[in-house]
C-alpha atoms as a PDB file:
ATOM      1  CA  UNK A   1     110.364 115.623 102.273  1.00  0.00           C
ATOM      2  CA  UNK A   2     107.462 115.952  99.880  1.00  0.00           C
ATOM      3  CA  UNK A   3     104.119 114.234  99.976  1.00  0.00           C
ATOM      4  CA  UNK A   4     101.219 113.984  97.582  1.00  0.00           C
ATOM      5  CA  UNK A   5      97.850 115.570  98.321  1.00  0.00           C
ATOM      6  CA  UNK A   6      94.443 115.999  96.940  1.00  0.00           C
ATOM      7  CA  UNK A   7      92.611 117.683  94.086  1.00  0.00           C
ATOM      8  CA  UNK A   8      89.968 115.643  92.276  1.00  0.00           C
ATOM      9  CA  UNK A   9      90.145 115.364  88.483  1.00  0.00           C
ATOM     10  CA  UNK A  10      89.286 112.945  85.718  1.00  0.00           C
ATOM     11  CA  UNK A  11      92.266 111.165  84.153  1.00  0.00           C
ATOM     12  CA  UNK A  12      91.890 110.841  80.393  1.00  0.00           C
ATOM     13  CA  UNK A  13      91.976 107.329  79.164  1.00  0.00           C
ATOM     14  CA  UNK A  14      90.953 105.676  82.469  1.00  0.00           C
ATOM     15  CA  UNK A  15      87.881 104.162  80.817  1.00  0.00           C
ATOM     16  CA  UNK A  16      90.054 102.529  78.157  1.00  0.00           C
ATOM     17  CA  UNK A  17      91.931 100.658  80.868  1.00  0.00           C
ATOM     18  CA  UNK A  18      88.825  99.398  82.683  1.00  0.00           C
ATOM     19  CA  UNK A  19      87.808  95.712  82.453  1.00  0.00           C
ATOM     20  CA  UNK A  20      85.055  94.617  80.098  1.00  0.00           C
ATOM     21  CA  UNK A  21      82.342  95.298  82.693  1.00  0.00           C
ATOM     22  CA  UNK A  22      83.233  98.651  84.340  1.00  0.00           C
ATOM     23  CA  UNK A  23      81.394 100.022  87.379  1.00  0.00           C
ATOM     24  CA  UNK A  24      78.444 102.257  86.694  1.00  0.00           C
ATOM     25  CA  UNK A  25      80.214 105.389  87.895  1.00  0.00           C
ATOM     26  CA  UNK A  26      83.973 105.460  87.375  1.00  0.00           C
ATOM     27  CA  UNK A  27      85.896 106.873  90.368  1.00  0.00           C
ATOM     28  CA  UNK A  28      87.711 110.128  89.808  1.00  0.00           C
ATOM     29  CA  UNK A  29      91.469 110.104  90.559  1.00  0.00           C
ATOM     30  CA  UNK A  30      93.223 113.116  91.969  1.00  0.00           C
ATOM     31  CA  UNK A  31      96.161 115.228  90.797  1.00  0.00           C
ATOM     32  CA  UNK A  32      98.433 115.854  93.730  1.00  0.00           C
ATOM     33  CA  UNK A  33     100.826 118.824  94.211  1.00  0.00           C
ATOM     34  CA  UNK A  34     103.939 118.348  96.328  1.00  0.00           C
ATOM     35  CA  UNK A  35     104.073 119.378  99.984  1.00  0.00           C
ATOM     36  CA  UNK A  36     106.508 118.870 102.867  1.00  0.00           C
ATOM     37  CA  UNK A  37     106.145 116.157 105.482  1.00  0.00           C
ATOM     38  CA  UNK A  38     107.825 115.249 108.776  1.00  0.00           C
ATOM     39  CA  UNK A  39     107.933 111.781 110.347  1.00  0.00           C
ATOM     40  CA  UNK A  40     106.443 111.729 113.853  1.00  0.00           C
ATOM     41  CA  UNK A  41     104.056 109.596 115.886  1.00  0.00           C
ATOM     42  CA  UNK A  42     100.557 110.157 117.266  1.00  0.00           C
ATOM     43  CA  UNK A  43      98.448 107.967 119.621  1.00  0.00           C
ATOM     44  CA  UNK A  44      96.291 105.209 118.086  1.00  0.00           C
ATOM     45  CA  UNK A  45      92.727 106.027 117.072  1.00  0.00           C
ATOM     46  CA  UNK A  46      89.387 105.048 118.595  1.00  0.00           C
ATOM     47  CA  UNK A  47      87.798 101.626 118.540  1.00  0.00           C
ATOM     48  CA  UNK A  48      85.726 100.637 115.518  1.00  0.00           C
ATOM     49  CA  UNK A  49      81.944 100.557 115.487  1.00  0.00           C
ATOM     50  CA  UNK A  50      79.238  99.292 113.138  1.00  0.00           C
ATOM     51  CA  UNK A  51      77.578  96.119 111.949  1.00  0.00           C
ATOM     52  CA  UNK A  52      79.253  93.194 110.201  1.00  0.00           C
ATOM     53  CA  UNK A  53      77.784  93.241 106.679  1.00  0.00           C
ATOM     54  CA  UNK A  54      79.850  91.958 103.759  1.00  0.00           C
ATOM     55  CA  UNK A  55      78.905  91.340 100.152  1.00  0.00           C
ATOM     56  CA  UNK A  56      80.718  89.623  97.340  1.00  0.00           C
ATOM     57  CA  UNK A  57      81.387  91.880  94.362  1.00  0.00           C
ATOM     58  CA  UNK A  58      78.817  91.289  91.655  1.00  0.00           C
ATOM     59  CA  UNK A  59      76.269  89.976  94.189  1.00  0.00           C
ATOM     60  CA  UNK A  60      74.644  93.049  95.796  1.00  0.00           C
ATOM     61  CA  UNK A  61      72.969  92.322  99.101  1.00  0.00           C
ATOM     62  CA  UNK A  62      74.441  88.847  99.335  1.00  0.00           C
ATOM     63  CA  UNK A  63      75.782  88.148 102.814  1.00  0.00           C
ATOM     64  CA  UNK A  64      78.720  85.822 102.345  1.00  0.00           C
ATOM     65  CA  UNK A  65      82.437  85.335 102.733  1.00  0.00           C
ATOM     66  CA  UNK A  66      84.449  87.504 100.372  1.00  0.00           C
ATOM     67  CA  UNK A  67      87.931  87.228  98.989  1.00  0.00           C
ATOM     68  CA  UNK A  68      89.960  84.282  97.732  1.00  0.00           C
ATOM     69  CA  UNK A  69      89.642  81.194  99.900  1.00  0.00           C
ATOM     70  CA  UNK A  70      86.148  82.050 101.130  1.00  0.00           C
ATOM     71  CA  UNK A  71      84.425  79.081 102.730  1.00  0.00           C
ATOM     72  CA  UNK A  72      87.734  77.411 103.656  1.00  0.00           C
ATOM     73  CA  UNK A  73      88.273  77.009 107.393  1.00  0.00           C
ATOM     74  CA  UNK A  74      91.381  78.708 108.730  1.00  0.00           C
ATOM     75  CA  UNK A  75      93.921  76.332 110.215  1.00  0.00           C
ATOM     76  CA  UNK A  76      94.542  78.679 113.161  1.00  0.00           C
ATOM     77  CA  UNK A  77      92.429  81.170 115.038  1.00  0.00           C
ATOM     78  CA  UNK A  78      93.181  84.499 116.668  1.00  0.00           C
ATOM     79  CA  UNK A  79      94.498  87.806 115.425  1.00  0.00           C
ATOM     80  CA  UNK A  80      97.155  87.792 112.738  1.00  0.00           C
ATOM     81  CA  UNK A  81     100.413  89.447 113.794  1.00  0.00           C
ATOM     82  CA  UNK A  82     102.459  91.943 111.834  1.00  0.00           C
ATOM     83  CA  UNK A  83     105.296  89.400 111.734  1.00  0.00           C
ATOM     84  CA  UNK A  84     103.044  86.765 110.147  1.00  0.00           C
ATOM     85  CA  UNK A  85     101.823  89.118 107.437  1.00  0.00           C
ATOM     86  CA  UNK A  86     105.292  90.507 106.715  1.00  0.00           C
ATOM     87  CA  UNK A  87     106.663  86.983 106.387  1.00  0.00           C
ATOM     88  CA  UNK A  88     103.875  86.167 103.927  1.00  0.00           C
ATOM     89  CA  UNK A  89     104.765  89.149 101.711  1.00  0.00           C
ATOM     90  CA  UNK A  90     108.538  88.810 101.989  1.00  0.00           C
ATOM     91  CA  UNK A  91     108.835  87.730  98.348  1.00  0.00           C
ATOM     92  CA  UNK A  92     107.403  89.783  95.494  1.00  0.00           C
ATOM     93  CA  UNK A  93     105.955  88.459  92.262  1.00  0.00           C
ATOM     94  CA  UNK A  94     105.296  91.712  90.371  1.00  0.00           C
ATOM     95  CA  UNK A  95     101.848  92.178  88.837  1.00  0.00           C
ATOM     96  CA  UNK A  96     102.509  95.768  87.772  1.00  0.00           C
ATOM     97  CA  UNK A  97     104.228  96.529  84.481  1.00  0.00           C
ATOM     98  CA  UNK A  98     106.579  98.960  86.140  1.00  0.00           C
ATOM     99  CA  UNK A  99     107.142 100.770  89.409  1.00  0.00           C
ATOM    100  CA  UNK A 100     105.650 103.707  91.288  1.00  0.00           C
ATOM    101  CA  UNK A 101     107.101 106.782  92.961  1.00  0.00           C
ATOM    102  CA  UNK A 102     106.507 107.315  96.674  1.00  0.00           C
ATOM    103  CA  UNK A 103     106.359 111.085  96.164  1.00  0.00           C
ATOM    104  CA  UNK A 104     106.654 113.633  93.367  1.00  0.00           C
ATOM    105  CA  UNK A 105     110.239 114.012  92.145  1.00  0.00           C
ATOM    106  CA  UNK A 106     111.414 110.663  93.525  1.00  0.00           C
ATOM    107  CA  UNK A 107     112.595 107.681  91.493  1.00  0.00           C
ATOM    108  CA  UNK A 108     110.030 104.975  90.752  1.00  0.00           C
ATOM    109  CA  UNK A 109     111.034 102.104  93.041  1.00  0.00           C
ATOM    110  CA  UNK A 110     107.807 100.469  94.280  1.00  0.00           C
ATOM    111  CA  UNK A 111     106.277  97.514  92.389  1.00  0.00           C
ATOM    112  CA  UNK A 112     102.796  96.124  93.032  1.00  0.00           C
ATOM    113  CA  UNK A 113     103.172  92.455  93.930  1.00  0.00           C
ATOM    114  CA  UNK A 114     100.554  89.728  93.860  1.00  0.00           C
ATOM    115  CA  UNK A 115      99.417  86.275  94.929  1.00  0.00           C
ATOM    116  CA  UNK A 116      96.202  84.382  94.246  1.00  0.00           C
ATOM    117  CA  UNK A 117      94.573  86.033  97.278  1.00  0.00           C
ATOM    118  CA  UNK A 118      95.953  89.567  97.401  1.00  0.00           C
ATOM    119  CA  UNK A 119      97.993  92.376  95.917  1.00  0.00           C
ATOM    120  CA  UNK A 120     100.490  94.269  98.055  1.00  0.00           C
ATOM    121  CA  UNK A 121     103.112  96.991  98.028  1.00  0.00           C
ATOM    122  CA  UNK A 122     105.679  98.398 100.465  1.00  0.00           C
ATOM    123  CA  UNK A 123     105.942 102.172 100.555  1.00  0.00           C
ATOM    124  CA  UNK A 124     105.603 105.278 102.700  1.00  0.00           C
ATOM    125  CA  UNK A 125     102.376 106.752 104.040  1.00  0.00           C
ATOM    126  CA  UNK A 126     101.154 110.157 102.951  1.00  0.00           C
ATOM    127  CA  UNK A 127      97.981 111.510 104.542  1.00  0.00           C
ATOM    128  CA  UNK A 128      94.855 111.767 102.384  1.00  0.00           C
ATOM    129  CA  UNK A 129      92.647 114.188 104.331  1.00  0.00           C
ATOM    130  CA  UNK A 130      90.034 114.517 101.585  1.00  0.00           C
ATOM    131  CA  UNK A 131      86.319 113.918 101.853  1.00  0.00           C
ATOM    132  CA  UNK A 132      83.727 115.276 104.239  1.00  0.00           C
ATOM    133  CA  UNK A 133      85.189 118.304 106.059  1.00  0.00           C
ATOM    134  CA  UNK A 134      85.753 117.960 109.789  1.00  0.00           C
ATOM    135  CA  UNK A 135      87.719 119.541 112.594  1.00  0.00           C
ATOM    136  CA  UNK A 136      91.026 118.006 111.475  1.00  0.00           C
ATOM    137  CA  UNK A 137      90.515 117.693 107.719  1.00  0.00           C
ATOM    138  CA  UNK A 138      89.361 120.868 106.012  1.00  0.00           C
ATOM    139  CA  UNK A 139      90.575 123.696 103.774  1.00  0.00           C
ATOM    140  CA  UNK A 140      92.135 125.478 106.762  1.00  0.00           C
ATOM    141  CA  UNK A 141      94.195 122.538 108.051  1.00  0.00           C
ATOM    142  CA  UNK A 142      95.107 121.214 104.609  1.00  0.00           C
ATOM    143  CA  UNK A 143      96.085 123.605 101.785  1.00  0.00           C
ATOM    144  CA  UNK A 144      95.329 120.923  99.180  1.00  0.00           C
ATOM    145  CA  UNK A 145      92.041 119.751 100.694  1.00  0.00           C
ATOM    146  CA  UNK A 146      89.340 118.384  98.380  1.00  0.00           C
ATOM    147  CA  UNK A 147      85.827 117.782  99.727  1.00  0.00           C
ATOM    148  CA  UNK A 148      85.378 114.585  97.687  1.00  0.00           C
ATOM    149  CA  UNK A 149      86.616 110.996  97.491  1.00  0.00           C
ATOM    150  CA  UNK A 150      86.612 108.645  94.515  1.00  0.00           C
ATOM    151  CA  UNK A 151      84.241 106.261  96.298  1.00  0.00           C
ATOM    152  CA  UNK A 152      81.266 107.673  98.262  1.00  0.00           C
ATOM    153  CA  UNK A 153      79.661 106.186 101.334  1.00  0.00           C
ATOM    154  CA  UNK A 154      76.218 104.563 101.266  1.00  0.00           C
ATOM    155  CA  UNK A 155      74.279 107.838 101.547  1.00  0.00           C
ATOM    156  CA  UNK A 156      76.137 109.349  98.576  1.00  0.00           C
ATOM    157  CA  UNK A 157      78.289 111.687 100.645  1.00  0.00           C
ATOM    158  CA  UNK A 158      82.111 111.594 100.422  1.00  0.00           C
ATOM    159  CA  UNK A 159      83.971 109.428 102.924  1.00  0.00           C
ATOM    160  CA  UNK A 160      85.328 111.002 106.093  1.00  0.00           C
ATOM    161  CA  UNK A 161      89.115 110.730 106.333  1.00  0.00           C
ATOM    162  CA  UNK A 162      88.908 111.548 110.034  1.00  0.00           C
ATOM    163  CA  UNK A 163      86.479 108.724 110.809  1.00  0.00           C
ATOM    164  CA  UNK A 164      87.158 105.945 108.286  1.00  0.00           C
ATOM    165  CA  UNK A 165      90.463 104.097 107.858  1.00  0.00           C
ATOM    166  CA  UNK A 166      90.942 103.854 104.096  1.00  0.00           C
ATOM    167  CA  UNK A 167      93.810 103.417 101.660  1.00  0.00           C
ATOM    168  CA  UNK A 168      94.410 105.048  98.296  1.00  0.00           C
ATOM    169  CA  UNK A 169      95.170 103.156  95.065  1.00  0.00           C
ATOM    170  CA  UNK A 170      96.829 104.697  91.983  1.00  0.00           C
ATOM    171  CA  UNK A 171      94.608 105.612  89.040  1.00  0.00           C
ATOM    172  CA  UNK A 172      94.568 102.885  86.370  1.00  0.00           C
ATOM    173  CA  UNK A 173      97.408 103.219  83.884  1.00  0.00           C
ATOM    174  CA  UNK A 174      99.703 101.113  81.732  1.00  0.00           C
ATOM    175  CA  UNK A 175     101.722 100.446  84.891  1.00  0.00           C
ATOM    176  CA  UNK A 176      98.846  98.808  86.774  1.00  0.00           C
ATOM    177  CA  UNK A 177      95.046  98.711  86.723  1.00  0.00           C
ATOM    178  CA  UNK A 178      93.680  97.903  90.164  1.00  0.00           C
ATOM    179  CA  UNK A 179      90.293  96.871  88.740  1.00  0.00           C
ATOM    180  CA  UNK A 180      91.891  94.087  86.698  1.00  0.00           C
ATOM    181  CA  UNK A 181      93.131  92.509  89.949  1.00  0.00           C
ATOM    182  CA  UNK A 182      89.876  92.242  91.883  1.00  0.00           C
ATOM    183  CA  UNK A 183      90.264  95.583  93.683  1.00  0.00           C
ATOM    184  CA  UNK A 184      87.496  98.206  93.910  1.00  0.00           C
ATOM    185  CA  UNK A 185      86.038 100.752  96.285  1.00  0.00           C
ATOM    186  CA  UNK A 186      85.340  98.966  99.576  1.00  0.00           C
ATOM    187  CA  UNK A 187      87.953  96.232  99.068  1.00  0.00           C
ATOM    188  CA  UNK A 188      89.461  95.198 102.397  1.00  0.00           C
ATOM    189  CA  UNK A 189      93.098  96.002 103.164  1.00  0.00           C
ATOM    190  CA  UNK A 190      95.522  95.110 105.935  1.00  0.00           C
ATOM    191  CA  UNK A 191      98.007  97.898 106.643  1.00  0.00           C
ATOM    192  CA  UNK A 192     101.166  97.070 108.601  1.00  0.00           C
ATOM    193  CA  UNK A 193     103.571  99.497 110.301  1.00  0.00           C
ATOM    194  CA  UNK A 194     106.181  98.226 112.736  1.00  0.00           C
ATOM    195  CA  UNK A 195     104.361  95.764 115.009  1.00  0.00           C
ATOM    196  CA  UNK A 196     100.837  97.028 114.274  1.00  0.00           C
ATOM    197  CA  UNK A 197      98.233  95.625 111.883  1.00  0.00           C
ATOM    198  CA  UNK A 198      95.114  97.638 111.159  1.00  0.00           C
ATOM    199  CA  UNK A 199      92.295  96.991 108.695  1.00  0.00           C
ATOM    200  CA  UNK A 200      90.901  99.496 106.224  1.00  0.00           C
ATOM    201  CA  UNK A 201      89.016  99.716 102.929  1.00  0.00           C
ATOM    202  CA  UNK A 202      90.003 101.060  99.528  1.00  0.00           C
ATOM    203  CA  UNK A 203      88.439 104.527  99.669  1.00  0.00           C
ATOM    204  CA  UNK A 204      90.129 106.854  97.199  1.00  0.00           C
ATOM    205  CA  UNK A 205      92.116 106.973  93.951  1.00  0.00           C
ATOM    206  CA  UNK A 206      95.327 108.955  93.583  1.00  0.00           C
ATOM    207  CA  UNK A 207      97.752 109.986  90.837  1.00  0.00           C
ATOM    208  CA  UNK A 208      98.659 107.349  88.248  1.00  0.00           C
ATOM    209  CA  UNK A 209     102.367 107.408  89.139  1.00  0.00           C
ATOM    210  CA  UNK A 210     102.308 107.653  92.971  1.00  0.00           C
ATOM    211  CA  UNK A 211     101.676 104.977  95.609  1.00  0.00           C
ATOM    212  CA  UNK A 212     101.597 104.967  99.416  1.00  0.00           C
ATOM    213  CA  UNK A 213      98.724 106.986 100.904  1.00  0.00           C
ATOM    214  CA  UNK A 214      95.971 106.480 103.467  1.00  0.00           C
ATOM    215  CA  UNK A 215      93.386 108.420 105.440  1.00  0.00           C
ATOM    216  CA  UNK A 216      93.804 110.417 108.642  1.00  0.00           C
ATOM    217  CA  UNK A 217      92.022 107.659 110.593  1.00  0.00           C
ATOM    218  CA  UNK A 218      94.215 104.900 109.128  1.00  0.00           C
ATOM    219  CA  UNK A 219      97.404 106.752 110.078  1.00  0.00           C
ATOM    220  CA  UNK A 220      96.088 107.492 113.567  1.00  0.00           C
ATOM    221  CA  UNK A 221      95.287 103.817 114.215  1.00  0.00           C
ATOM    222  CA  UNK A 222      98.821 102.827 113.169  1.00  0.00           C
ATOM    223  CA  UNK A 223     100.440 105.368 115.481  1.00  0.00           C
ATOM    224  CA  UNK A 224     101.586 107.504 112.534  1.00  0.00           C
ATOM    225  CA  UNK A 225     101.270 111.287 112.746  1.00  0.00           C
ATOM    226  CA  UNK A 226      97.989 111.945 110.842  1.00  0.00           C
ATOM    227  CA  UNK A 227      98.554 115.674 110.314  1.00  0.00           C
ATOM    228  CA  UNK A 228      97.755 116.384 106.622  1.00  0.00           C
ATOM    229  CA  UNK A 229     100.333 119.179 106.614  1.00  0.00           C
ATOM    230  CA  UNK A 230     103.509 117.541 107.881  1.00  0.00           C
ATOM    231  CA  UNK A 231     102.411 114.065 109.001  1.00  0.00           C
ATOM    232  CA  UNK A 232     102.873 110.621 107.555  1.00  0.00           C
ATOM    233  CA  UNK A 233     105.991 108.459 107.528  1.00  0.00           C
ATOM    234  CA  UNK A 234     108.649 108.053 104.813  1.00  0.00           C
ATOM    235  CA  UNK A 235     108.907 104.250 104.807  1.00  0.00           C
ATOM    236  CA  UNK A 236     108.085 100.899 106.406  1.00  0.00           C
ATOM    237  CA  UNK A 237     104.384 100.686 105.592  1.00  0.00           C
ATOM    238  CA  UNK A 238     103.020  97.554 103.896  1.00  0.00           C
ATOM    239  CA  UNK A 239      99.616  97.563 102.193  1.00  0.00           C
ATOM    240  CA  UNK A 240      97.866  94.230 101.516  1.00  0.00           C
ATOM    241  CA  UNK A 241      94.567  94.405  99.594  1.00  0.00           C
ATOM    242  CA  UNK A 242      92.505  91.228  99.471  1.00  0.00           C
ATOM    243  CA  UNK A 243      91.202  90.426  95.997  1.00  0.00           C
ATOM    244  CA  UNK A 244      87.450  90.254  95.328  1.00  0.00           C
ATOM    245  CA  UNK A 245      86.603  91.412  98.847  1.00  0.00           C
ATOM    246  CA  UNK A 246      84.184  94.202  99.597  1.00  0.00           C
ATOM    247  CA  UNK A 247      82.637  95.833 102.663  1.00  0.00           C
ATOM    248  CA  UNK A 248      79.055  97.041 102.283  1.00  0.00           C
ATOM    249  CA  UNK A 249      78.395  99.729 103.315  1.00  0.00           C
ATOM    250  CA  UNK A 250      81.905 100.981 102.697  1.00  0.00           C
ATOM    251  CA  UNK A 251      81.863 103.072 105.897  1.00  0.00           C
ATOM    252  CA  UNK A 252      81.241 100.046 108.180  1.00  0.00           C
ATOM    253  CA  UNK A 253      84.447  99.966 110.237  1.00  0.00           C
ATOM    254  CA  UNK A 254      83.518  96.897 112.264  1.00  0.00           C
ATOM    255  CA  UNK A 255      82.929  94.908 109.087  1.00  0.00           C
ATOM    256  CA  UNK A 256      86.308  95.944 107.688  1.00  0.00           C
ATOM    257  CA  UNK A 257      88.005  94.699 110.855  1.00  0.00           C
ATOM    258  CA  UNK A 258      86.180  91.374 111.187  1.00  0.00           C
ATOM    259  CA  UNK A 259      86.458  90.615 107.467  1.00  0.00           C
ATOM    260  CA  UNK A 260      90.088  91.750 107.391  1.00  0.00           C
ATOM    261  CA  UNK A 261      91.037  89.494 110.297  1.00  0.00           C
ATOM    262  CA  UNK A 262      89.436  86.493 108.617  1.00  0.00           C
ATOM    263  CA  UNK A 263      90.999  87.157 105.210  1.00  0.00           C
ATOM    264  CA  UNK A 264      94.404  87.874 106.767  1.00  0.00           C
ATOM    265  CA  UNK A 265      94.301  84.505 108.542  1.00  0.00           C
ATOM    266  CA  UNK A 266      93.414  82.747 105.295  1.00  0.00           C
ATOM    267  CA  UNK A 267      96.183  84.650 103.542  1.00  0.00           C
ATOM    268  CA  UNK A 268      98.983  83.737 105.955  1.00  0.00           C
ATOM    269  CA  UNK A 269      97.792  80.114 106.093  1.00  0.00           C
ATOM    270  CA  UNK A 270      97.666  79.721 102.297  1.00  0.00           C
ATOM    271  CA  UNK A 271     100.525  78.150 100.358  1.00  0.00           C
ATOM    272  CA  UNK A 272     100.279  79.735  96.880  1.00  0.00           C
END
């Protein structure tokens, strides 16, 4: 089985697809060569740490609820289950103009779906081990390693795939432009695999025709083998990204969890 992996490059024409007010520094998507992958399971990752600091996009420094439905009290409290989220995304209203491949050489079968509050897709999980080198993610452990991510952390350094649960979105194209749907670096995502729900941020940009990728830490928390050279899982992963949400700083894991839990509850309780 093949999987995508990571070399940073600039995709021509990305700027033409950006909304009327693009971010100051456009993220750089990656071109990904094929590699083999096996489906196995690893133990869940460590507990999250950090402060709860969230800003609304377009309002730097503003501490407020983010995402659709902000300020509306949830009708229920407590953690949202995988079953609740999967029931909420059972039906797909496509917002993409076509479909994505899960891996190089495969047929394009995955649409991006949408509601008023979120966009979502159901795919595999390939391991993005890019970013700051560490013991598990480096040029020795990953033959396609790239020491950069499309979105940096608050000190300007690349994100750490080993430490930060993040998901990867496809580079903007005629199929779908994530920026036109309230998604950006730091947007909050719920990732579901089997009976587990874990929260992450949008942290990297991948090829324009491939979907279904997340960081080493995200895979580890979901009980998916995080090995960049043979890990991942071929199916049964659902990615839900909450529109107009943003964690600041992007590397704040605790904020991603607390904000994700709140937005997930609003999402499953909504009726749109």
